[in-house]
């Protein structure tokens, strides 16, 4: 399941087959599910190893509606964007779902190209968010690897202080500051104090 890029969740086999054909023909990987229960069971089996994917989900399904399936998927911590496919009578429910974190909805009948475009946009956003999360996680790990003295020097660096000022403030030599500064830059993966400040700014408040 974590290989698939587009998950189609619909209890109508004709719609499932049609959507699977559409996305397969456009070069996407797809997986089809005949309802919320099977889809959620497969999602739980991933145990957080989500990969990158988008969910196309019908609003009206039984026994689990699209709305309930979405809420249960969110409760699993799944980051996949959910795009609802809705009939005219379900627009209000779809709008409410978007307010609760769904990516978007499309009202039936929709154009194939529009649907594919929306899925591509959702996938691009999901990919960017995942990369941001990975970078943030890496930065936090790098920050945690700093020694107490390195952390003191880092705090001075991101305030724009020069080596001599840092040495005076911390009661150490300028050469020692340079040593710590080099270690900090290497651990944090930066080449300058300005770049360091930008990266640390992403982690505010500092953990």
N, C-alpha and C. Protein backbone atom coordinates (compact mmCIF):
# COMPACT_ATOMS: atom_id res chain seq x y z
N UNK A 1 0.83 -1.22 0.00
CA UNK A 1 0.00 0.00 0.00
C UNK A 1 0.85 1.25 0.00
N UNK A 2 2.04 1.21 0.65
CA UNK A 2 2.83 2.43 0.69
C UNK A 2 3.52 2.73 -0.64
N UNK A 3 3.36 1.84 -1.65
CA UNK A 3 3.86 2.11 -2.98
C UNK A 3 2.88 2.98 -3.77
N UNK A 4 1.60 2.95 -3.41
CA UNK A 4 0.58 3.63 -4.21
C UNK A 4 0.65 5.13 -4.00
N UNK A 5 0.34 5.87 -5.03
CA UNK A 5 0.34 7.32 -4.95
C UNK A 5 -1.07 7.87 -4.88
N UNK A 6 -2.06 7.16 -5.45
CA UNK A 6 -3.45 7.62 -5.42
C UNK A 6 -4.31 6.49 -4.86
N UNK A 7 -4.95 6.72 -3.72
CA UNK A 7 -5.84 5.74 -3.11
C UNK A 7 -7.28 6.13 -3.45
N UNK A 8 -8.00 5.23 -4.09
CA UNK A 8 -9.38 5.49 -4.52
C UNK A 8 -10.30 4.72 -3.58
N UNK A 9 -11.11 5.47 -2.83
CA UNK A 9 -11.99 4.85 -1.83
C UNK A 9 -13.43 5.15 -2.23
N UNK A 10 -14.13 4.13 -2.74
CA UNK A 10 -15.50 4.32 -3.24
C UNK A 10 -16.19 2.97 -3.24
N UNK A 11 -17.45 2.94 -2.78
CA UNK A 11 -18.16 1.67 -2.75
C UNK A 11 -18.85 1.33 -4.07
N UNK A 12 -18.68 2.16 -5.09
CA UNK A 12 -19.22 1.90 -6.41
C UNK A 12 -18.10 1.34 -7.29
N UNK A 13 -18.21 0.05 -7.68
CA UNK A 13 -17.11 -0.56 -8.43
C UNK A 13 -16.86 0.10 -9.78
N UNK A 14 -17.91 0.62 -10.43
CA UNK A 14 -17.73 1.26 -11.73
C UNK A 14 -16.88 2.54 -11.59
N UNK A 15 -17.18 3.32 -10.54
CA UNK A 15 -16.40 4.54 -10.31
C UNK A 15 -14.96 4.19 -9.95
N UNK A 16 -14.79 3.21 -9.08
CA UNK A 16 -13.43 2.77 -8.71
C UNK A 16 -12.63 2.38 -9.94
N UNK A 17 -13.24 1.54 -10.78
CA UNK A 17 -12.52 1.06 -11.97
C UNK A 17 -12.20 2.20 -12.92
N UNK A 18 -13.17 3.11 -13.09
CA UNK A 18 -12.97 4.25 -13.99
C UNK A 18 -11.84 5.15 -13.52
N UNK A 19 -11.81 5.44 -12.20
CA UNK A 19 -10.77 6.30 -11.66
C UNK A 19 -9.40 5.62 -11.70
N UNK A 20 -9.39 4.31 -11.41
CA UNK A 20 -8.13 3.57 -11.48
C UNK A 20 -7.57 3.59 -12.89
N UNK A 21 -8.44 3.40 -13.88
CA UNK A 21 -7.99 3.44 -15.28
C UNK A 21 -7.45 4.83 -15.62
N UNK A 22 -8.17 5.87 -15.19
CA UNK A 22 -7.75 7.25 -15.47
C UNK A 22 -6.35 7.51 -14.93
N UNK A 23 -6.12 7.19 -13.67
CA UNK A 23 -4.83 7.52 -13.06
C UNK A 23 -3.72 6.60 -13.55
N UNK A 24 -4.05 5.34 -13.80
CA UNK A 24 -3.04 4.44 -14.36
C UNK A 24 -2.61 4.92 -15.75
N UNK A 25 -3.59 5.41 -16.52
CA UNK A 25 -3.29 5.88 -17.89
C UNK A 25 -2.46 7.17 -17.88
N UNK A 26 -2.50 7.90 -16.76
CA UNK A 26 -1.72 9.14 -16.66
C UNK A 26 -0.37 8.91 -15.96
N UNK A 27 -0.04 7.65 -15.72
CA UNK A 27 1.27 7.35 -15.16
C UNK A 27 1.34 7.33 -13.65
N UNK A 28 0.19 7.39 -12.97
CA UNK A 28 0.17 7.30 -11.51
C UNK A 28 0.07 5.84 -11.08
N UNK A 29 0.54 5.56 -9.88
CA UNK A 29 0.22 4.28 -9.25
C UNK A 29 -1.09 4.48 -8.49
N UNK A 30 -1.97 3.50 -8.56
CA UNK A 30 -3.23 3.64 -7.84
C UNK A 30 -3.55 2.37 -7.07
N UNK A 31 -4.37 2.54 -6.04
CA UNK A 31 -4.90 1.41 -5.26
C UNK A 31 -6.36 1.71 -5.00
N UNK A 32 -7.22 0.70 -5.13
CA UNK A 32 -8.67 0.90 -4.99
C UNK A 32 -9.18 0.15 -3.77
N UNK A 33 -10.13 0.80 -3.08
CA UNK A 33 -10.71 0.24 -1.86
C UNK A 33 -12.23 0.38 -1.95
N UNK A 34 -12.94 -0.70 -1.57
CA UNK A 34 -14.40 -0.70 -1.75
C UNK A 34 -15.14 -0.05 -0.59
N UNK A 35 -14.41 0.58 0.32
CA UNK A 35 -15.05 1.27 1.43
C UNK A 35 -14.04 1.70 2.47
N UNK A 36 -14.53 2.47 3.44
CA UNK A 36 -13.65 3.01 4.45
C UNK A 36 -13.00 1.97 5.33
N UNK A 37 -13.71 0.89 5.62
CA UNK A 37 -13.17 -0.10 6.56
C UNK A 37 -11.91 -0.77 6.01
N UNK A 38 -11.97 -1.23 4.77
CA UNK A 38 -10.80 -1.88 4.18
C UNK A 38 -9.64 -0.91 4.05
N UNK A 39 -9.95 0.31 3.63
CA UNK A 39 -8.92 1.32 3.46
C UNK A 39 -8.23 1.63 4.78
N UNK A 40 -9.02 1.82 5.83
CA UNK A 40 -8.45 2.15 7.14
C UNK A 40 -7.63 0.99 7.70
N UNK A 41 -8.10 -0.25 7.46
CA UNK A 41 -7.35 -1.42 7.92
C UNK A 41 -5.97 -1.46 7.27
N UNK A 42 -5.92 -1.15 5.97
CA UNK A 42 -4.64 -1.13 5.26
C UNK A 42 -3.77 0.02 5.76
N UNK A 43 -4.39 1.18 6.05
CA UNK A 43 -3.63 2.33 6.56
C UNK A 43 -3.03 1.99 7.93
N UNK A 44 -3.81 1.36 8.78
CA UNK A 44 -3.29 1.00 10.12
C UNK A 44 -2.09 0.06 9.99
N UNK A 45 -2.13 -0.82 9.00
CA UNK A 45 -1.06 -1.81 8.83
C UNK A 45 0.27 -1.16 8.48
N UNK A 46 0.23 0.09 7.99
CA UNK A 46 1.46 0.78 7.64
C UNK A 46 2.24 1.22 8.88
N UNK A 47 1.54 1.37 10.01
CA UNK A 47 2.17 1.74 11.28
C UNK A 47 3.04 3.00 11.15
N UNK A 48 2.51 3.98 10.43
CA UNK A 48 3.20 5.26 10.34
C UNK A 48 4.16 5.40 9.19
N UNK A 49 4.43 4.31 8.46
CA UNK A 49 5.33 4.38 7.30
C UNK A 49 4.52 4.82 6.09
N UNK A 50 4.17 6.11 6.07
CA UNK A 50 3.13 6.57 5.15
C UNK A 50 3.57 6.67 3.70
N UNK A 51 4.78 7.12 3.44
CA UNK A 51 5.13 7.44 2.06
C UNK A 51 4.32 8.64 1.59
N UNK A 52 4.32 8.88 0.29
CA UNK A 52 3.61 10.02 -0.28
C UNK A 52 2.42 9.52 -1.09
N UNK A 53 1.25 10.03 -0.78
CA UNK A 53 0.05 9.58 -1.48
C UNK A 53 -1.06 10.61 -1.33
N UNK A 54 -2.08 10.46 -2.17
CA UNK A 54 -3.28 11.28 -2.12
C UNK A 54 -4.47 10.33 -2.07
N UNK A 55 -5.51 10.72 -1.34
CA UNK A 55 -6.71 9.90 -1.20
C UNK A 55 -7.87 10.56 -1.94
N UNK A 56 -8.49 9.82 -2.85
CA UNK A 56 -9.75 10.25 -3.48
C UNK A 56 -10.86 9.48 -2.79
N UNK A 57 -11.79 10.19 -2.16
CA UNK A 57 -12.80 9.51 -1.35
C UNK A 57 -14.21 10.01 -1.65
N UNK A 58 -15.11 9.05 -1.84
CA UNK A 58 -16.51 9.39 -2.03
C UNK A 58 -17.11 9.81 -0.69
N UNK A 59 -18.00 10.81 -0.71
CA UNK A 59 -18.65 11.24 0.53
C UNK A 59 -19.66 10.22 1.02
N UNK A 60 -20.42 9.64 0.08
CA UNK A 60 -21.52 8.74 0.46
C UNK A 60 -21.10 7.29 0.30
N UNK A 61 -20.73 6.70 1.42
CA UNK A 61 -20.38 5.29 1.44
C UNK A 61 -21.05 4.66 2.66
N UNK A 62 -21.21 3.35 2.60
CA UNK A 62 -21.77 2.62 3.74
C UNK A 62 -20.87 1.40 4.00
N UNK A 63 -20.72 0.98 5.26
CA UNK A 63 -21.33 1.57 6.46
C UNK A 63 -20.59 2.82 6.97
N UNK A 64 -19.32 3.01 6.58
CA UNK A 64 -18.61 4.21 7.01
C UNK A 64 -18.71 5.27 5.92
N UNK A 65 -19.22 6.44 6.28
CA UNK A 65 -19.29 7.54 5.31
C UNK A 65 -17.89 8.08 5.05
N UNK A 66 -17.77 8.88 3.99
CA UNK A 66 -16.49 9.51 3.70
C UNK A 66 -16.02 10.39 4.85
N UNK A 67 -16.95 11.11 5.45
CA UNK A 67 -16.59 12.00 6.56
C UNK A 67 -16.02 11.23 7.74
N UNK A 68 -16.68 10.14 8.11
CA UNK A 68 -16.22 9.33 9.23
C UNK A 68 -14.87 8.68 8.91
N UNK A 69 -14.74 8.17 7.69
CA UNK A 69 -13.47 7.56 7.27
C UNK A 69 -12.33 8.57 7.36
N UNK A 70 -12.60 9.79 6.92
CA UNK A 70 -11.59 10.86 6.98
C UNK A 70 -11.19 11.15 8.41
N UNK A 71 -12.17 11.25 9.30
CA UNK A 71 -11.87 11.54 10.71
C UNK A 71 -11.03 10.43 11.34
N UNK A 72 -11.34 9.19 11.00
CA UNK A 72 -10.58 8.06 11.54
C UNK A 72 -9.17 8.02 10.95
N UNK A 73 -9.04 8.41 9.68
CA UNK A 73 -7.73 8.47 9.06
C UNK A 73 -6.87 9.54 9.74
N UNK A 74 -7.48 10.69 10.01
CA UNK A 74 -6.77 11.76 10.72
C UNK A 74 -6.31 11.29 12.09
N UNK A 75 -7.18 10.53 12.76
CA UNK A 75 -6.85 10.05 14.11
C UNK A 75 -5.64 9.12 14.10
N UNK A 76 -5.37 8.49 12.95
CA UNK A 76 -4.19 7.63 12.83
C UNK A 76 -2.92 8.46 12.65
N UNK A 77 -3.09 9.77 12.43
CA UNK A 77 -1.94 10.62 12.18
C UNK A 77 -1.48 10.58 10.74
N UNK A 78 -2.34 10.12 9.86
CA UNK A 78 -1.97 9.99 8.44
C UNK A 78 -1.91 11.38 7.79
N UNK A 79 -0.81 11.69 7.09
CA UNK A 79 -0.65 13.02 6.50
C UNK A 79 -1.17 13.15 5.07
N UNK A 80 -1.73 12.08 4.51
CA UNK A 80 -2.15 12.13 3.10
C UNK A 80 -3.26 13.15 2.88
N UNK A 81 -3.14 13.98 1.85
CA UNK A 81 -4.24 14.89 1.49
C UNK A 81 -5.45 14.07 1.03
N UNK A 82 -6.62 14.48 1.47
CA UNK A 82 -7.87 13.80 1.08
C UNK A 82 -8.69 14.73 0.20
N UNK A 83 -9.02 14.25 -0.99
CA UNK A 83 -9.85 14.98 -1.94
C UNK A 83 -11.19 14.27 -2.04
N UNK A 84 -12.25 14.94 -1.62
CA UNK A 84 -13.57 14.32 -1.62
C UNK A 84 -14.24 14.47 -2.98
N UNK A 85 -14.91 13.40 -3.38
CA UNK A 85 -15.76 13.42 -4.57
C UNK A 85 -17.20 13.43 -4.08
N UNK A 86 -17.94 14.45 -4.47
CA UNK A 86 -19.23 14.67 -3.85
C UNK A 86 -20.33 14.97 -4.86
N UNK A 87 -21.54 14.49 -4.54
CA UNK A 87 -22.72 14.86 -5.29
C UNK A 87 -23.24 16.21 -4.82
N UNK A 88 -24.17 16.77 -5.54
CA UNK A 88 -24.66 18.11 -5.23
C UNK A 88 -25.16 18.22 -3.80
N UNK A 89 -25.83 17.19 -3.31
CA UNK A 89 -26.42 17.25 -1.98
C UNK A 89 -25.42 17.16 -0.85
N UNK A 90 -24.17 16.84 -1.18
CA UNK A 90 -23.15 16.64 -0.14
C UNK A 90 -22.14 17.78 -0.05
N UNK A 91 -22.38 18.86 -0.78
CA UNK A 91 -21.41 19.95 -0.82
C UNK A 91 -21.18 20.54 0.57
N UNK A 92 -22.26 20.70 1.34
CA UNK A 92 -22.12 21.24 2.70
C UNK A 92 -21.23 20.39 3.57
N UNK A 93 -21.39 19.08 3.47
CA UNK A 93 -20.55 18.16 4.25
C UNK A 93 -19.10 18.23 3.79
N UNK A 94 -18.91 18.38 2.48
CA UNK A 94 -17.55 18.45 1.94
C UNK A 94 -16.85 19.72 2.40
N UNK A 95 -17.58 20.84 2.39
CA UNK A 95 -17.01 22.11 2.87
C UNK A 95 -16.60 21.98 4.33
N UNK A 96 -17.46 21.35 5.13
CA UNK A 96 -17.15 21.14 6.55
C UNK A 96 -15.90 20.28 6.70
N UNK A 97 -15.75 19.26 5.84
CA UNK A 97 -14.57 18.39 5.92
C UNK A 97 -13.30 19.16 5.57
N UNK A 98 -13.39 20.07 4.59
CA UNK A 98 -12.23 20.88 4.23
C UNK A 98 -11.82 21.77 5.40
N UNK A 99 -12.80 22.31 6.10
CA UNK A 99 -12.51 23.13 7.28
C UNK A 99 -11.83 22.30 8.37
N UNK A 100 -12.08 20.99 8.35
CA UNK A 100 -11.48 20.10 9.36
C UNK A 100 -10.14 19.51 8.88
N UNK A 101 -9.70 19.97 7.69
CA UNK A 101 -8.37 19.54 7.26
C UNK A 101 -8.29 18.75 5.97
N UNK A 102 -9.45 18.45 5.34
CA UNK A 102 -9.39 17.79 4.04
C UNK A 102 -8.76 18.74 3.03
N UNK A 103 -8.17 18.17 1.99
CA UNK A 103 -7.46 19.00 1.01
C UNK A 103 -8.44 19.83 0.19
N UNK A 104 -9.47 19.18 -0.37
CA UNK A 104 -10.40 19.86 -1.26
C UNK A 104 -11.54 18.92 -1.58
N UNK A 105 -12.49 19.38 -2.37
CA UNK A 105 -13.52 18.48 -2.89
C UNK A 105 -13.86 18.87 -4.32
N UNK A 106 -14.34 17.88 -5.06
CA UNK A 106 -14.80 18.11 -6.43
C UNK A 106 -16.23 17.58 -6.54
N UNK A 107 -17.06 18.39 -7.14
CA UNK A 107 -18.46 18.01 -7.29
C UNK A 107 -18.64 17.21 -8.58
N UNK A 108 -19.37 16.10 -8.48
CA UNK A 108 -19.67 15.30 -9.67
C UNK A 108 -20.76 16.00 -10.49
N UNK A 109 -20.72 15.87 -11.83
CA UNK A 109 -19.65 15.25 -12.62
C UNK A 109 -18.48 16.21 -12.76
N UNK A 110 -17.29 15.68 -12.77
CA UNK A 110 -16.09 16.52 -12.89
C UNK A 110 -15.33 16.13 -14.15
N UNK A 111 -14.47 17.02 -14.60
CA UNK A 111 -13.64 16.74 -15.76
C UNK A 111 -12.40 15.98 -15.34
N UNK A 112 -12.02 14.99 -16.14
CA UNK A 112 -10.86 14.18 -15.80
C UNK A 112 -9.61 15.02 -15.60
N UNK A 113 -9.38 15.96 -16.50
CA UNK A 113 -8.17 16.78 -16.41
C UNK A 113 -8.14 17.60 -15.13
N UNK A 114 -9.30 18.11 -14.74
CA UNK A 114 -9.37 18.89 -13.50
C UNK A 114 -9.04 18.02 -12.30
N UNK A 115 -9.57 16.81 -12.29
CA UNK A 115 -9.31 15.90 -11.18
C UNK A 115 -7.82 15.55 -11.10
N UNK A 116 -7.23 15.24 -12.24
CA UNK A 116 -5.81 14.89 -12.26
C UNK A 116 -4.96 16.08 -11.80
N UNK A 117 -5.33 17.29 -12.25
CA UNK A 117 -4.60 18.49 -11.82
C UNK A 117 -4.68 18.67 -10.32
N UNK A 118 -5.87 18.47 -9.75
CA UNK A 118 -6.03 18.64 -8.30
C UNK A 118 -5.18 17.62 -7.54
N UNK A 119 -5.16 16.40 -8.04
CA UNK A 119 -4.38 15.35 -7.38
C UNK A 119 -2.89 15.69 -7.45
N UNK A 120 -2.43 16.18 -8.60
CA UNK A 120 -1.02 16.56 -8.73
C UNK A 120 -0.67 17.69 -7.76
N UNK A 121 -1.58 18.66 -7.62
CA UNK A 121 -1.33 19.76 -6.69
C UNK A 121 -1.25 19.25 -5.25
N UNK A 122 -2.17 18.35 -4.90
CA UNK A 122 -2.19 17.80 -3.54
C UNK A 122 -0.93 16.99 -3.27
N UNK A 123 -0.50 16.22 -4.27
CA UNK A 123 0.70 15.40 -4.09
C UNK A 123 1.94 16.27 -3.94
N UNK A 124 2.01 17.36 -4.72
CA UNK A 124 3.14 18.29 -4.61
C UNK A 124 3.18 18.93 -3.23
N UNK A 125 2.02 19.32 -2.71
CA UNK A 125 1.95 19.93 -1.38
C UNK A 125 2.35 18.92 -0.30
N UNK A 126 1.90 17.68 -0.47
CA UNK A 126 2.23 16.65 0.51
C UNK A 126 3.72 16.35 0.50
N UNK A 127 4.32 16.32 -0.69
CA UNK A 127 5.75 16.06 -0.82
C UNK A 127 6.56 17.17 -0.15
N UNK A 128 6.16 18.42 -0.41
CA UNK A 128 6.86 19.57 0.18
C UNK A 128 6.75 19.53 1.71
N UNK A 129 5.56 19.21 2.21
CA UNK A 129 5.35 19.15 3.66
C UNK A 129 6.19 18.05 4.29
N UNK A 130 6.28 16.91 3.60
CA UNK A 130 7.07 15.80 4.15
C UNK A 130 8.56 16.16 4.19
N UNK A 131 9.03 16.83 3.13
CA UNK A 131 10.44 17.23 3.12
C UNK A 131 10.72 18.26 4.22
N UNK A 132 9.76 19.17 4.44
CA UNK A 132 9.91 20.14 5.53
C UNK A 132 10.00 19.43 6.87
N UNK A 133 9.13 18.42 7.05
CA UNK A 133 9.13 17.67 8.30
C UNK A 133 10.46 16.96 8.50
N UNK A 134 10.99 16.36 7.41
CA UNK A 134 12.26 15.64 7.51
C UNK A 134 13.40 16.59 7.86
N UNK A 135 13.39 17.77 7.23
CA UNK A 135 14.44 18.76 7.51
C UNK A 135 14.35 19.25 8.95
N UNK A 136 13.13 19.51 9.41
CA UNK A 136 12.94 19.95 10.79
C UNK A 136 13.42 18.90 11.77
N UNK A 137 13.09 17.64 11.48
CA UNK A 137 13.50 16.54 12.34
C UNK A 137 15.04 16.45 12.39
N UNK A 138 15.68 16.61 11.21
CA UNK A 138 17.13 16.54 11.15
C UNK A 138 17.77 17.69 11.94
N UNK A 139 17.17 18.88 11.81
CA UNK A 139 17.71 20.03 12.54
C UNK A 139 17.59 19.83 14.05
N UNK A 140 16.46 19.30 14.49
CA UNK A 140 16.27 19.07 15.93
C UNK A 140 17.29 18.04 16.44
N UNK A 141 17.53 17.00 15.64
CA UNK A 141 18.52 15.99 16.04
C UNK A 141 19.92 16.61 16.10
N UNK A 142 20.23 17.46 15.11
CA UNK A 142 21.54 18.11 15.10
C UNK A 142 21.70 19.03 16.30
N UNK A 143 20.64 19.76 16.61
CA UNK A 143 20.67 20.67 17.75
C UNK A 143 20.89 19.90 19.05
N UNK A 144 20.22 18.76 19.15
CA UNK A 144 20.34 17.95 20.37
C UNK A 144 21.74 17.36 20.52
N UNK A 145 22.48 17.25 19.39
CA UNK A 145 23.82 16.66 19.44
C UNK A 145 24.88 17.66 19.91
N UNK A 146 24.52 18.94 20.02
CA UNK A 146 25.48 19.95 20.46
C UNK A 146 25.79 19.80 21.95
N UNK A 147 27.04 20.05 22.30
CA UNK A 147 27.43 20.05 23.71
C UNK A 147 26.86 21.33 24.36
N UNK A 148 26.79 21.35 25.70
CA UNK A 148 26.30 22.57 26.37
C UNK A 148 27.09 23.81 25.96
N UNK A 149 28.42 23.70 25.83
CA UNK A 149 29.22 24.85 25.44
C UNK A 149 28.92 25.25 23.99
N UNK A 150 28.78 24.26 23.12
CA UNK A 150 28.43 24.57 21.73
C UNK A 150 27.08 25.27 21.66
N UNK A 151 26.15 24.86 22.49
CA UNK A 151 24.84 25.50 22.50
C UNK A 151 24.96 26.97 22.95
N UNK A 152 25.85 27.24 23.92
CA UNK A 152 26.07 28.62 24.36
C UNK A 152 26.65 29.46 23.22
N UNK A 153 27.62 28.88 22.52
CA UNK A 153 28.23 29.60 21.39
C UNK A 153 27.19 29.83 20.29
N UNK A 154 26.37 28.82 20.02
CA UNK A 154 25.32 28.96 19.00
C UNK A 154 24.38 30.11 19.35
N UNK A 155 23.96 30.18 20.60
CA UNK A 155 23.05 31.25 21.02
C UNK A 155 23.67 32.63 20.77
N UNK A 156 24.97 32.74 20.99
CA UNK A 156 25.66 34.00 20.74
C UNK A 156 25.76 34.29 19.24
N UNK A 157 26.06 33.25 18.46
CA UNK A 157 26.21 33.41 17.01
C UNK A 157 24.93 33.92 16.36
N UNK A 158 23.79 33.33 16.75
CA UNK A 158 22.54 33.72 16.08
C UNK A 158 22.05 35.10 16.55
N UNK A 159 22.70 35.64 17.57
CA UNK A 159 22.41 37.02 17.97
C UNK A 159 23.31 38.00 17.21
N UNK A 160 24.19 37.44 16.37
CA UNK A 160 25.04 38.29 15.54
C UNK A 160 26.33 38.71 16.20
N UNK A 161 26.70 38.08 17.30
CA UNK A 161 27.92 38.46 18.00
C UNK A 161 29.16 37.90 17.29
N UNK A 162 30.25 38.66 17.38
CA UNK A 162 31.51 38.24 16.77
C UNK A 162 32.28 37.33 17.73
N UNK A 163 33.26 36.61 17.16
CA UNK A 163 34.02 35.65 17.96
C UNK A 163 34.62 36.28 19.22
N UNK A 164 35.21 37.49 19.06
CA UNK A 164 35.85 38.13 20.22
C UNK A 164 34.83 38.45 21.31
N UNK A 165 33.64 38.96 20.90
CA UNK A 165 32.59 39.25 21.88
C UNK A 165 32.13 37.97 22.58
N UNK A 166 31.99 36.91 21.78
CA UNK A 166 31.53 35.63 22.35
C UNK A 166 32.56 35.13 23.36
N UNK A 167 33.83 35.24 22.99
CA UNK A 167 34.90 34.80 23.90
C UNK A 167 34.84 35.58 25.22
N UNK A 168 34.64 36.89 25.13
CA UNK A 168 34.55 37.72 26.34
C UNK A 168 33.33 37.35 27.17
N UNK A 169 32.19 37.15 26.49
CA UNK A 169 30.96 36.82 27.23
C UNK A 169 31.06 35.49 27.96
N UNK A 170 31.70 34.50 27.30
CA UNK A 170 31.72 33.15 27.85
C UNK A 170 32.99 32.85 28.66
N UNK A 171 33.94 33.82 28.65
CA UNK A 171 35.16 33.61 29.41
C UNK A 171 36.07 32.55 28.83
N UNK A 172 36.09 32.45 27.50
CA UNK A 172 36.96 31.49 26.83
C UNK A 172 37.78 32.25 25.77
N UNK A 173 38.74 31.58 25.15
CA UNK A 173 39.58 32.25 24.16
C UNK A 173 38.87 32.30 22.80
N UNK A 174 39.30 33.24 21.96
CA UNK A 174 38.73 33.35 20.62
C UNK A 174 39.00 32.08 19.80
N UNK A 175 40.18 31.47 20.03
CA UNK A 175 40.49 30.22 19.32
C UNK A 175 39.51 29.12 19.70
N UNK A 176 39.14 29.07 20.97
CA UNK A 176 38.16 28.06 21.41
C UNK A 176 36.80 28.34 20.78
N UNK A 177 36.44 29.60 20.69
CA UNK A 177 35.18 29.95 20.03
C UNK A 177 35.20 29.47 18.58
N UNK A 178 36.32 29.68 17.88
CA UNK A 178 36.44 29.25 16.49
C UNK A 178 36.28 27.73 16.37
N UNK A 179 36.87 27.01 17.32
CA UNK A 179 36.76 25.55 17.34
C UNK A 179 35.29 25.13 17.49
N UNK A 180 34.60 25.72 18.46
CA UNK A 180 33.19 25.38 18.68
C UNK A 180 32.33 25.79 17.48
N UNK A 181 32.64 26.95 16.92
CA UNK A 181 31.89 27.46 15.77
C UNK A 181 31.99 26.48 14.59
N UNK A 182 33.20 25.98 14.33
CA UNK A 182 33.40 25.02 13.24
C UNK A 182 32.60 23.75 13.49
N UNK A 183 32.61 23.27 14.73
CA UNK A 183 31.84 22.07 15.07
C UNK A 183 30.34 22.29 14.88
N UNK A 184 29.86 23.45 15.32
CA UNK A 184 28.44 23.77 15.20
C UNK A 184 28.02 23.80 13.72
N UNK A 185 28.83 24.49 12.90
CA UNK A 185 28.51 24.59 11.47
C UNK A 185 28.46 23.19 10.83
N UNK A 186 29.40 22.34 11.21
CA UNK A 186 29.44 20.99 10.64
C UNK A 186 28.22 20.18 11.08
N UNK A 187 27.91 20.21 12.37
CA UNK A 187 26.78 19.43 12.88
C UNK A 187 25.44 19.93 12.33
N UNK A 188 25.30 21.24 12.16
CA UNK A 188 24.04 21.80 11.69
C UNK A 188 23.96 21.87 10.17
N UNK A 189 25.06 21.56 9.48
CA UNK A 189 25.04 21.55 8.03
C UNK A 189 24.91 22.92 7.41
N UNK A 190 25.63 23.91 7.96
CA UNK A 190 25.56 25.28 7.45
C UNK A 190 26.96 25.79 7.16
N UNK A 191 27.02 26.90 6.39
CA UNK A 191 28.30 27.50 6.03
C UNK A 191 28.50 28.89 6.62
N UNK A 192 27.45 29.45 7.24
CA UNK A 192 27.56 30.81 7.77
C UNK A 192 26.64 30.99 8.96
N UNK A 193 26.92 32.03 9.75
CA UNK A 193 26.07 32.34 10.90
C UNK A 193 24.67 32.77 10.44
N UNK A 194 24.60 33.43 9.29
CA UNK A 194 23.29 33.85 8.76
C UNK A 194 22.44 32.63 8.41
N UNK A 195 23.04 31.66 7.72
CA UNK A 195 22.32 30.43 7.38
C UNK A 195 21.90 29.69 8.65
N UNK A 196 22.78 29.69 9.63
CA UNK A 196 22.46 29.05 10.91
C UNK A 196 21.24 29.71 11.55
N UNK A 197 21.23 31.04 11.56
CA UNK A 197 20.11 31.77 12.16
C UNK A 197 18.80 31.46 11.44
N UNK A 198 18.85 31.35 10.10
CA UNK A 198 17.64 31.01 9.34
C UNK A 198 17.12 29.63 9.73
N UNK A 199 18.03 28.68 9.85
CA UNK A 199 17.60 27.32 10.17
C UNK A 199 17.06 27.23 11.60
N UNK A 200 17.73 27.91 12.51
CA UNK A 200 17.24 27.89 13.89
C UNK A 200 15.88 28.57 13.98
N UNK A 201 15.68 29.59 13.15
CA UNK A 201 14.38 30.27 13.14
C UNK A 201 13.23 29.35 12.80
N UNK A 202 13.51 28.31 12.03
CA UNK A 202 12.47 27.34 11.67
C UNK A 202 12.05 26.49 12.87
N UNK A 203 12.90 26.44 13.86
CA UNK A 203 12.65 25.56 15.01
C UNK A 203 12.08 26.32 16.20
N UNK A 204 11.78 27.59 16.04
CA UNK A 204 11.25 28.36 17.18
C UNK A 204 9.87 27.85 17.58
N UNK A 205 9.54 27.77 18.88
CA UNK A 205 10.50 28.02 19.95
C UNK A 205 11.50 26.88 20.07
N UNK A 206 12.72 27.22 20.41
CA UNK A 206 13.76 26.21 20.49
C UNK A 206 13.40 25.13 21.50
N UNK A 207 13.61 23.84 21.09
CA UNK A 207 13.31 22.74 22.00
C UNK A 207 14.49 22.40 22.85
